[in-house]
Amino acid sequence: MNKYTAFVLIKVKVGKLPEVVKELLTIEEIKELYMVTGPFDLLAILEADKYDELGEVIVDKIHNIKELDDTQTLMSFKTYRYFLG
């Protein structure tokens, strides 16, 4: 079965990165989490069995983290290569 994927760029309030990372790592649908350069601090890669689940995770779980400043979400609609480590 195909998975649905979203990439969420996350900007964190200054000095709150450790708390945000700890909270994000409790979200089961976040399969990968990276610290990145640029205007955002983190990149979370989410996977879910249903498209609607991604929206629920982003709105109900990620956006409820108080230490966030901003997010930008990119929804994937086709995967060309998937790396299984």
PDB file of N, CA and C in Angstrom:
ATOM      1  N   MET A   1       0.836  -1.189   0.000  1.00  0.00           N
ATOM      2  CA  MET A   1       0.000   0.000   0.000  1.00  0.00           C
ATOM      3  C   MET A   1       0.878   1.248   0.000  1.00  0.00           C
ATOM      4  N   ASN A   2       0.504   2.212  -0.796  1.00  0.00           N
ATOM      5  CA  ASN A   2       1.251   3.464  -0.859  1.00  0.00           C
ATOM      6  C   ASN A   2       1.009   4.307   0.379  1.00  0.00           C
ATOM      7  N   LYS A   3       2.045   5.015   0.773  1.00  0.00           N
ATOM      8  CA  LYS A   3       1.947   5.959   1.887  1.00  0.00           C
ATOM      9  C   LYS A   3       1.829   7.363   1.313  1.00  0.00           C
ATOM     10  N   TYR A   4       1.210   8.236   2.067  1.00  0.00           N
ATOM     11  CA  TYR A   4       1.141   9.646   1.717  1.00  0.00           C
ATOM     12  C   TYR A   4       2.218  10.366   2.514  1.00  0.00           C
ATOM     13  N   THR A   5       2.872  11.324   1.871  1.00  0.00           N
ATOM     14  CA  THR A   5       4.018  11.995   2.476  1.00  0.00           C
ATOM     15  C   THR A   5       3.829  13.504   2.485  1.00  0.00           C
ATOM     16  N   ALA A   6       4.256  14.132   3.578  1.00  0.00           N
ATOM     17  CA  ALA A   6       4.284  15.592   3.677  1.00  0.00           C
ATOM     18  C   ALA A   6       5.633  16.003   4.239  1.00  0.00           C
ATOM     19  N   PHE A   7       6.112  17.145   3.783  1.00  0.00           N
ATOM     20  CA  PHE A   7       7.347  17.744   4.271  1.00  0.00           C
ATOM     21  C   PHE A   7       6.951  19.024   4.985  1.00  0.00           C
ATOM     22  N   VAL A   8       7.307  19.133   6.249  1.00  0.00           N
ATOM     23  CA  VAL A   8       6.919  20.301   7.032  1.00  0.00           C
ATOM     24  C   VAL A   8       8.180  21.032   7.486  1.00  0.00           C
ATOM     25  N   LEU A   9       8.334  22.266   6.995  1.00  0.00           N
ATOM     26  CA  LEU A   9       9.413  23.143   7.440  1.00  0.00           C
ATOM     27  C   LEU A   9       8.924  23.865   8.686  1.00  0.00           C
ATOM     28  N   ILE A  10       9.754  23.905   9.710  1.00  0.00           N
ATOM     29  CA  ILE A  10       9.336  24.421  11.011  1.00  0.00           C
ATOM     30  C   ILE A  10      10.315  25.478  11.503  1.00  0.00           C
ATOM     31  N   LYS A  11       9.789  26.647  11.854  1.00  0.00           N
ATOM     32  CA  LYS A  11      10.590  27.707  12.481  1.00  0.00           C
ATOM     33  C   LYS A  11      10.259  27.703  13.970  1.00  0.00           C
ATOM     34  N   VAL A  12      11.297  27.669  14.798  1.00  0.00           N
ATOM     35  CA  VAL A  12      11.155  27.525  16.237  1.00  0.00           C
ATOM     36  C   VAL A  12      11.514  28.845  16.919  1.00  0.00           C
ATOM     37  N   LYS A  13      10.812  29.164  17.997  1.00  0.00           N
ATOM     38  CA  LYS A  13      11.161  30.356  18.780  1.00  0.00           C
ATOM     39  C   LYS A  13      12.585  30.201  19.317  1.00  0.00           C
ATOM     40  N   VAL A  14      13.307  31.314  19.385  1.00  0.00           N
ATOM     41  CA  VAL A  14      14.707  31.316  19.805  1.00  0.00           C
ATOM     42  C   VAL A  14      14.857  30.635  21.164  1.00  0.00           C
ATOM     43  N   GLY A  15      15.817  29.709  21.232  1.00  0.00           N
ATOM     44  CA  GLY A  15      16.127  29.026  22.480  1.00  0.00           C
ATOM     45  C   GLY A  15      15.224  27.853  22.817  1.00  0.00           C
ATOM     46  N   LYS A  16      14.267  27.539  21.950  1.00  0.00           N
ATOM     47  CA  LYS A  16      13.288  26.490  22.260  1.00  0.00           C
ATOM     48  C   LYS A  16      13.471  25.220  21.430  1.00  0.00           C
ATOM     49  N   LEU A  17      14.559  25.135  20.667  1.00  0.00           N
ATOM     50  CA  LEU A  17      14.752  23.986  19.788  1.00  0.00           C
ATOM     51  C   LEU A  17      14.734  22.642  20.521  1.00  0.00           C
ATOM     52  N   PRO A  18      15.462  22.472  21.630  1.00  0.00           N
ATOM     53  CA  PRO A  18      15.445  21.161  22.299  1.00  0.00           C
ATOM     54  C   PRO A  18      14.044  20.705  22.722  1.00  0.00           C
ATOM     55  N   GLU A  19      13.237  21.635  23.249  1.00  0.00           N
ATOM     56  CA  GLU A  19      11.880  21.274  23.674  1.00  0.00           C
ATOM     57  C   GLU A  19      11.009  20.870  22.484  1.00  0.00           C
ATOM     58  N   VAL A  20      11.152  21.604  21.383  1.00  0.00           N
ATOM     59  CA  VAL A  20      10.347  21.308  20.192  1.00  0.00           C
ATOM     60  C   VAL A  20      10.743  19.958  19.606  1.00  0.00           C
ATOM     61  N   VAL A  21      12.033  19.705  19.499  1.00  0.00           N
ATOM     62  CA  VAL A  21      12.497  18.421  18.961  1.00  0.00           C
ATOM     63  C   VAL A  21      11.968  17.272  19.812  1.00  0.00           C
ATOM     64  N   LYS A  22      12.057  17.409  21.116  1.00  0.00           N
ATOM     65  CA  LYS A  22      11.578  16.356  22.026  1.00  0.00           C
ATOM     66  C   LYS A  22      10.097  16.074  21.786  1.00  0.00           C
ATOM     67  N   GLU A  23       9.303  17.130  21.623  1.00  0.00           N
ATOM     68  CA  GLU A  23       7.870  16.958  21.409  1.00  0.00           C
ATOM     69  C   GLU A  23       7.564  16.374  20.025  1.00  0.00           C
ATOM     70  N   LEU A  24       8.286  16.837  19.009  1.00  0.00           N
ATOM     71  CA  LEU A  24       8.065  16.313  17.661  1.00  0.00           C
ATOM     72  C   LEU A  24       8.391  14.825  17.571  1.00  0.00           C
ATOM     73  N   LEU A  25       9.406  14.393  18.289  1.00  0.00           N
ATOM     74  CA  LEU A  25       9.806  12.980  18.241  1.00  0.00           C
ATOM     75  C   LEU A  25       8.768  12.047  18.855  1.00  0.00           C
ATOM     76  N   THR A  26       7.773  12.584  19.547  1.00  0.00           N
ATOM     77  CA  THR A  26       6.695  11.747  20.090  1.00  0.00           C
ATOM     78  C   THR A  26       5.584  11.522  19.072  1.00  0.00           C
ATOM     79  N   ILE A  27       5.637  12.224  17.951  1.00  0.00           N
ATOM     80  CA  ILE A  27       4.589  12.105  16.930  1.00  0.00           C
ATOM     81  C   ILE A  27       4.950  10.947  15.999  1.00  0.00           C
ATOM     82  N   GLU A  28       4.164   9.901  16.046  1.00  0.00           N
ATOM     83  CA  GLU A  28       4.440   8.660  15.322  1.00  0.00           C
ATOM     84  C   GLU A  28       4.573   8.853  13.815  1.00  0.00           C
ATOM     85  N   GLU A  29       3.808   9.755  13.254  1.00  0.00           N
ATOM     86  CA  GLU A  29       3.806   9.949  11.800  1.00  0.00           C
ATOM     87  C   GLU A  29       5.048  10.665  11.291  1.00  0.00           C
ATOM     88  N   ILE A  30       5.829  11.278  12.178  1.00  0.00           N
ATOM     89  CA  ILE A  30       7.084  11.904  11.759  1.00  0.00           C
ATOM     90  C   ILE A  30       8.129  10.807  11.662  1.00  0.00           C
ATOM     91  N   LYS A  31       8.514  10.498  10.437  1.00  0.00           N
ATOM     92  CA  LYS A  31       9.453   9.405  10.185  1.00  0.00           C
ATOM     93  C   LYS A  31      10.897   9.873  10.177  1.00  0.00           C
ATOM     94  N   GLU A  32      11.109  11.154   9.822  1.00  0.00           N
ATOM     95  CA  GLU A  32      12.448  11.724   9.814  1.00  0.00           C
ATOM     96  C   GLU A  32      12.355  13.167  10.294  1.00  0.00           C
ATOM     97  N   LEU A  33      13.396  13.627  10.985  1.00  0.00           N
ATOM     98  CA  LEU A  33      13.422  14.993  11.491  1.00  0.00           C
ATOM     99  C   LEU A  33      14.845  15.508  11.361  1.00  0.00           C
ATOM    100  N   TYR A  34      15.010  16.645  10.666  1.00  0.00           N
ATOM    101  CA  TYR A  34      16.320  17.208  10.382  1.00  0.00           C
ATOM    102  C   TYR A  34      16.420  18.644  10.872  1.00  0.00           C
ATOM    103  N   MET A  35      17.587  19.034  11.384  1.00  0.00           N
ATOM    104  CA  MET A  35      17.900  20.444  11.602  1.00  0.00           C
ATOM    105  C   MET A  35      18.457  20.937  10.266  1.00  0.00           C
ATOM    106  N   VAL A  36      17.944  22.080   9.794  1.00  0.00           N
ATOM    107  CA  VAL A  36      18.335  22.582   8.481  1.00  0.00           C
ATOM    108  C   VAL A  36      18.772  24.042   8.559  1.00  0.00           C
ATOM    109  N   THR A  37      19.416  24.511   7.502  1.00  0.00           N
ATOM    110  CA  THR A  37      19.809  25.911   7.404  1.00  0.00           C
ATOM    111  C   THR A  37      18.734  26.673   6.636  1.00  0.00           C
ATOM    112  N   GLY A  38      18.810  27.993   6.696  1.00  0.00           N
ATOM    113  CA  GLY A  38      17.856  28.827   5.978  1.00  0.00           C
ATOM    114  C   GLY A  38      16.853  29.447   6.926  1.00  0.00           C
ATOM    115  N   PRO A  39      15.723  29.893   6.390  1.00  0.00           N
ATOM    116  CA  PRO A  39      14.740  30.595   7.219  1.00  0.00           C
ATOM    117  C   PRO A  39      14.000  29.688   8.209  1.00  0.00           C
ATOM    118  N   PHE A  40      14.081  28.382   8.021  1.00  0.00           N
ATOM    119  CA  PHE A  40      13.446  27.440   8.934  1.00  0.00           C
ATOM    120  C   PHE A  40      14.518  26.676   9.691  1.00  0.00           C
ATOM    121  N   ASP A  41      14.138  26.110  10.838  1.00  0.00           N
ATOM    122  CA  ASP A  41      15.078  25.401  11.701  1.00  0.00           C
ATOM    123  C   ASP A  41      15.051  23.890  11.528  1.00  0.00           C
ATOM    124  N   LEU A  42      13.864  23.360  11.234  1.00  0.00           N
ATOM    125  CA  LEU A  42      13.677  21.915  11.168  1.00  0.00           C
ATOM    126  C   LEU A  42      12.904  21.524   9.912  1.00  0.00           C
ATOM    127  N   LEU A  43      13.148  20.301   9.454  1.00  0.00           N
ATOM    128  CA  LEU A  43      12.364  19.687   8.389  1.00  0.00           C
ATOM    129  C   LEU A  43      11.852  18.357   8.912  1.00  0.00           C
ATOM    130  N   ALA A  44      10.543  18.223   8.981  1.00  0.00           N
ATOM    131  CA  ALA A  44       9.922  16.964   9.416  1.00  0.00           C
ATOM    132  C   ALA A  44       9.327  16.281   8.195  1.00  0.00           C
ATOM    133  N   ILE A  45       9.599  14.997   8.045  1.00  0.00           N
ATOM    134  CA  ILE A  45       9.010  14.209   6.972  1.00  0.00           C
ATOM    135  C   ILE A  45       7.985  13.281   7.600  1.00  0.00           C
ATOM    136  N   LEU A  46       6.740  13.456   7.174  1.00  0.00           N
ATOM    137  CA  LEU A  46       5.619  12.696   7.726  1.00  0.00           C
ATOM    138  C   LEU A  46       5.135  11.669   6.724  1.00  0.00           C
ATOM    139  N   GLU A  47       4.683  10.534   7.225  1.00  0.00           N
ATOM    140  CA  GLU A  47       4.043   9.515   6.398  1.00  0.00           C
ATOM    141  C   GLU A  47       2.774   9.048   7.084  1.00  0.00           C
ATOM    142  N   ALA A  48       1.752   8.793   6.260  1.00  0.00           N
ATOM    143  CA  ALA A  48       0.484   8.284   6.787  1.00  0.00           C
ATOM    144  C   ALA A  48      -0.169   7.392   5.734  1.00  0.00           C
ATOM    145  N   ASP A  49      -1.046   6.523   6.196  1.00  0.00           N
ATOM    146  CA  ASP A  49      -1.763   5.624   5.286  1.00  0.00           C
ATOM    147  C   ASP A  49      -2.848   6.352   4.501  1.00  0.00           C
ATOM    148  N   LYS A  50      -3.393   7.421   5.073  1.00  0.00           N
ATOM    149  CA  LYS A  50      -4.467   8.176   4.424  1.00  0.00           C
ATOM    150  C   LYS A  50      -4.062   9.645   4.311  1.00  0.00           C
ATOM    151  N   TYR A  51      -4.456  10.256   3.216  1.00  0.00           N
ATOM    152  CA  TYR A  51      -4.137  11.660   2.967  1.00  0.00           C
ATOM    153  C   TYR A  51      -4.672  12.549   4.082  1.00  0.00           C
ATOM    154  N   ASP A  52      -5.890  12.306   4.531  1.00  0.00           N
ATOM    155  CA  ASP A  52      -6.508  13.124   5.578  1.00  0.00           C
ATOM    156  C   ASP A  52      -5.742  13.070   6.891  1.00  0.00           C
ATOM    157  N   GLU A  53      -5.089  11.950   7.170  1.00  0.00           N
ATOM    158  CA  GLU A  53      -4.320  11.813   8.408  1.00  0.00           C
ATOM    159  C   GLU A  53      -3.189  12.835   8.479  1.00  0.00           C
ATOM    160  N   LEU A  54      -2.588  13.139   7.340  1.00  0.00           N
ATOM    161  CA  LEU A  54      -1.500  14.118   7.332  1.00  0.00           C
ATOM    162  C   LEU A  54      -1.998  15.470   7.814  1.00  0.00           C
ATOM    163  N   GLY A  55      -3.129  15.903   7.305  1.00  0.00           N
ATOM    164  CA  GLY A  55      -3.703  17.177   7.727  1.00  0.00           C
ATOM    165  C   GLY A  55      -4.014  17.200   9.207  1.00  0.00           C
ATOM    166  N   GLU A  56      -4.540  16.101   9.702  1.00  0.00           N
ATOM    167  CA  GLU A  56      -4.866  16.019  11.126  1.00  0.00           C
ATOM    168  C   GLU A  56      -3.608  16.117  11.990  1.00  0.00           C
ATOM    169  N   VAL A  57      -2.555  15.441  11.586  1.00  0.00           N
ATOM    170  CA  VAL A  57      -1.304  15.486  12.346  1.00  0.00           C
ATOM    171  C   VAL A  57      -0.727  16.901  12.337  1.00  0.00           C
ATOM    172  N   ILE A  58      -0.726  17.530  11.176  1.00  0.00           N
ATOM    173  CA  ILE A  58      -0.153  18.872  11.058  1.00  0.00           C
ATOM    174  C   ILE A  58      -0.950  19.878  11.886  1.00  0.00           C
ATOM    175  N   VAL A  59      -2.261  19.862  11.746  1.00  0.00           N
ATOM    176  CA  VAL A  59      -3.104  20.843  12.444  1.00  0.00           C
ATOM    177  C   VAL A  59      -3.250  20.514  13.927  1.00  0.00           C
ATOM    178  N   ASP A  60      -3.529  19.269  14.246  1.00  0.00           N
ATOM    179  CA  ASP A  60      -3.846  18.905  15.632  1.00  0.00           C
ATOM    180  C   ASP A  60      -2.622  18.653  16.510  1.00  0.00           C
ATOM    181  N   LYS A  61      -1.531  18.227  15.925  1.00  0.00           N
ATOM    182  CA  LYS A  61      -0.352  17.903  16.733  1.00  0.00           C
ATOM    183  C   LYS A  61       0.774  18.926  16.567  1.00  0.00           C
ATOM    184  N   ILE A  62       1.227  19.129  15.337  1.00  0.00           N
ATOM    185  CA  ILE A  62       2.374  20.015  15.121  1.00  0.00           C
ATOM    186  C   ILE A  62       2.017  21.462  15.429  1.00  0.00           C
ATOM    187  N   HIS A  63       0.916  21.950  14.900  1.00  0.00           N
ATOM    188  CA  HIS A  63       0.555  23.359  15.104  1.00  0.00           C
ATOM    189  C   HIS A  63       0.196  23.683  16.554  1.00  0.00           C
ATOM    190  N   ASN A  64      -0.036  22.692  17.369  1.00  0.00           N
ATOM    191  CA  ASN A  64      -0.349  22.933  18.785  1.00  0.00           C
ATOM    192  C   ASN A  64       0.887  23.050  19.674  1.00  0.00           C
ATOM    193  N   ILE A  65       2.069  22.923  19.083  1.00  0.00           N
ATOM    194  CA  ILE A  65       3.297  23.096  19.856  1.00  0.00           C
ATOM    195  C   ILE A  65       3.517  24.594  20.033  1.00  0.00           C
ATOM    196  N   LYS A  66       3.480  25.055  21.272  1.00  0.00           N
ATOM    197  CA  LYS A  66       3.511  26.491  21.580  1.00  0.00           C
ATOM    198  C   LYS A  66       4.807  27.188  21.168  1.00  0.00           C
ATOM    199  N   GLU A  67       5.912  26.476  21.133  1.00  0.00           N
ATOM    200  CA  GLU A  67       7.209  27.086  20.859  1.00  0.00           C
ATOM    201  C   GLU A  67       7.497  27.285  19.368  1.00  0.00           C
ATOM    202  N   LEU A  68       6.506  27.009  18.509  1.00  0.00           N
ATOM    203  CA  LEU A  68       6.701  27.194  17.071  1.00  0.00           C
ATOM    204  C   LEU A  68       6.424  28.635  16.684  1.00  0.00           C
ATOM    205  N   ASP A  69       7.198  29.135  15.725  1.00  0.00           N
ATOM    206  CA  ASP A  69       6.996  30.467  15.184  1.00  0.00           C
ATOM    207  C   ASP A  69       6.238  30.421  13.870  1.00  0.00           C
ATOM    208  N   ASP A  70       6.530  29.387  13.043  1.00  0.00           N
ATOM    209  CA  ASP A  70       5.934  29.309  11.713  1.00  0.00           C
ATOM    210  C   ASP A  70       6.150  27.910  11.160  1.00  0.00           C
ATOM    211  N   THR A  71       5.295  27.523  10.211  1.00  0.00           N
ATOM    212  CA  THR A  71       5.497  26.275   9.471  1.00  0.00           C
ATOM    213  C   THR A  71       5.159  26.512   8.012  1.00  0.00           C
ATOM    214  N   GLN A  72       5.715  25.666   7.175  1.00  0.00           N
ATOM    215  CA  GLN A  72       5.345  25.630   5.761  1.00  0.00           C
ATOM    216  C   GLN A  72       5.285  24.169   5.375  1.00  0.00           C
ATOM    217  N   THR A  73       4.163  23.766   4.791  1.00  0.00           N
ATOM    218  CA  THR A  73       3.947  22.362   4.467  1.00  0.00           C
ATOM    219  C   THR A  73       3.936  22.150   2.967  1.00  0.00           C
ATOM    220  N   LEU A  74       4.643  21.109   2.535  1.00  0.00           N
ATOM    221  CA  LEU A  74       4.645  20.686   1.145  1.00  0.00           C
ATOM    222  C   LEU A  74       4.103  19.264   1.106  1.00  0.00           C
ATOM    223  N   MET A  75       3.034  19.054   0.360  1.00  0.00           N
ATOM    224  CA  MET A  75       2.439  17.726   0.229  1.00  0.00           C
ATOM    225  C   MET A  75       3.005  17.061  -1.022  1.00  0.00           C
ATOM    226  N   SER A  76       3.427  15.835  -0.874  1.00  0.00           N
ATOM    227  CA  SER A  76       3.962  15.085  -2.002  1.00  0.00           C
ATOM    228  C   SER A  76       2.823  14.406  -2.752  1.00  0.00           C
ATOM    229  N   PHE A  77       2.892  14.444  -4.081  1.00  0.00           N
ATOM    230  CA  PHE A  77       1.871  13.732  -4.848  1.00  0.00           C
ATOM    231  C   PHE A  77       2.451  12.642  -5.731  1.00  0.00           C
ATOM    232  N   LYS A  78       3.791  12.536  -5.801  1.00  0.00           N
ATOM    233  CA  LYS A  78       4.422  11.445  -6.537  1.00  0.00           C
ATOM    234  C   LYS A  78       5.832  11.242  -5.998  1.00  0.00           C
ATOM    235  N   THR A  79       6.224   9.986  -5.812  1.00  0.00           N
ATOM    236  CA  THR A  79       7.565   9.648  -5.350  1.00  0.00           C
ATOM    237  C   THR A  79       8.324   9.007  -6.507  1.00  0.00           C
ATOM    238  N   TYR A  80       9.477   9.568  -6.822  1.00  0.00           N
ATOM    239  CA  TYR A  80      10.298   9.006  -7.893  1.00  0.00           C
ATOM    240  C   TYR A  80      11.330   8.016  -7.369  1.00  0.00           C
ATOM    241  N   ARG A  81      11.820   8.254  -6.166  1.00  0.00           N
ATOM    242  CA  ARG A  81      12.787   7.339  -5.562  1.00  0.00           C
ATOM    243  C   ARG A  81      12.566   7.356  -4.053  1.00  0.00           C
ATOM    244  N   TYR A  82      12.550   6.175  -3.481  1.00  0.00           N
ATOM    245  CA  TYR A  82      12.381   6.027  -2.041  1.00  0.00           C
ATOM    246  C   TYR A  82      13.543   5.211  -1.527  1.00  0.00           C
ATOM    247  N   PHE A  83      14.333   5.786  -0.622  1.00  0.00           N
ATOM    248  CA  PHE A  83      15.527   5.130  -0.106  1.00  0.00           C
ATOM    249  C   PHE A  83      15.202   4.408   1.192  1.00  0.00           C
ATOM    250  N   LEU A  84      15.520   3.132   1.250  1.00  0.00           N
ATOM    251  CA  LEU A  84      15.244   2.323   2.434  1.00  0.00           C
ATOM    252  C   LEU A  84      16.522   1.968   3.192  1.00  0.00           C
ATOM    253  N   GLY A  85      17.456   2.919   3.274  1.00  0.00           N
ATOM    254  CA  GLY A  85      18.659   2.808   4.080  1.00  0.00           C
ATOM    255  C   GLY A  85      19.462   1.594   3.866  1.00  0.00           C
TER     256      GLY A  85
END
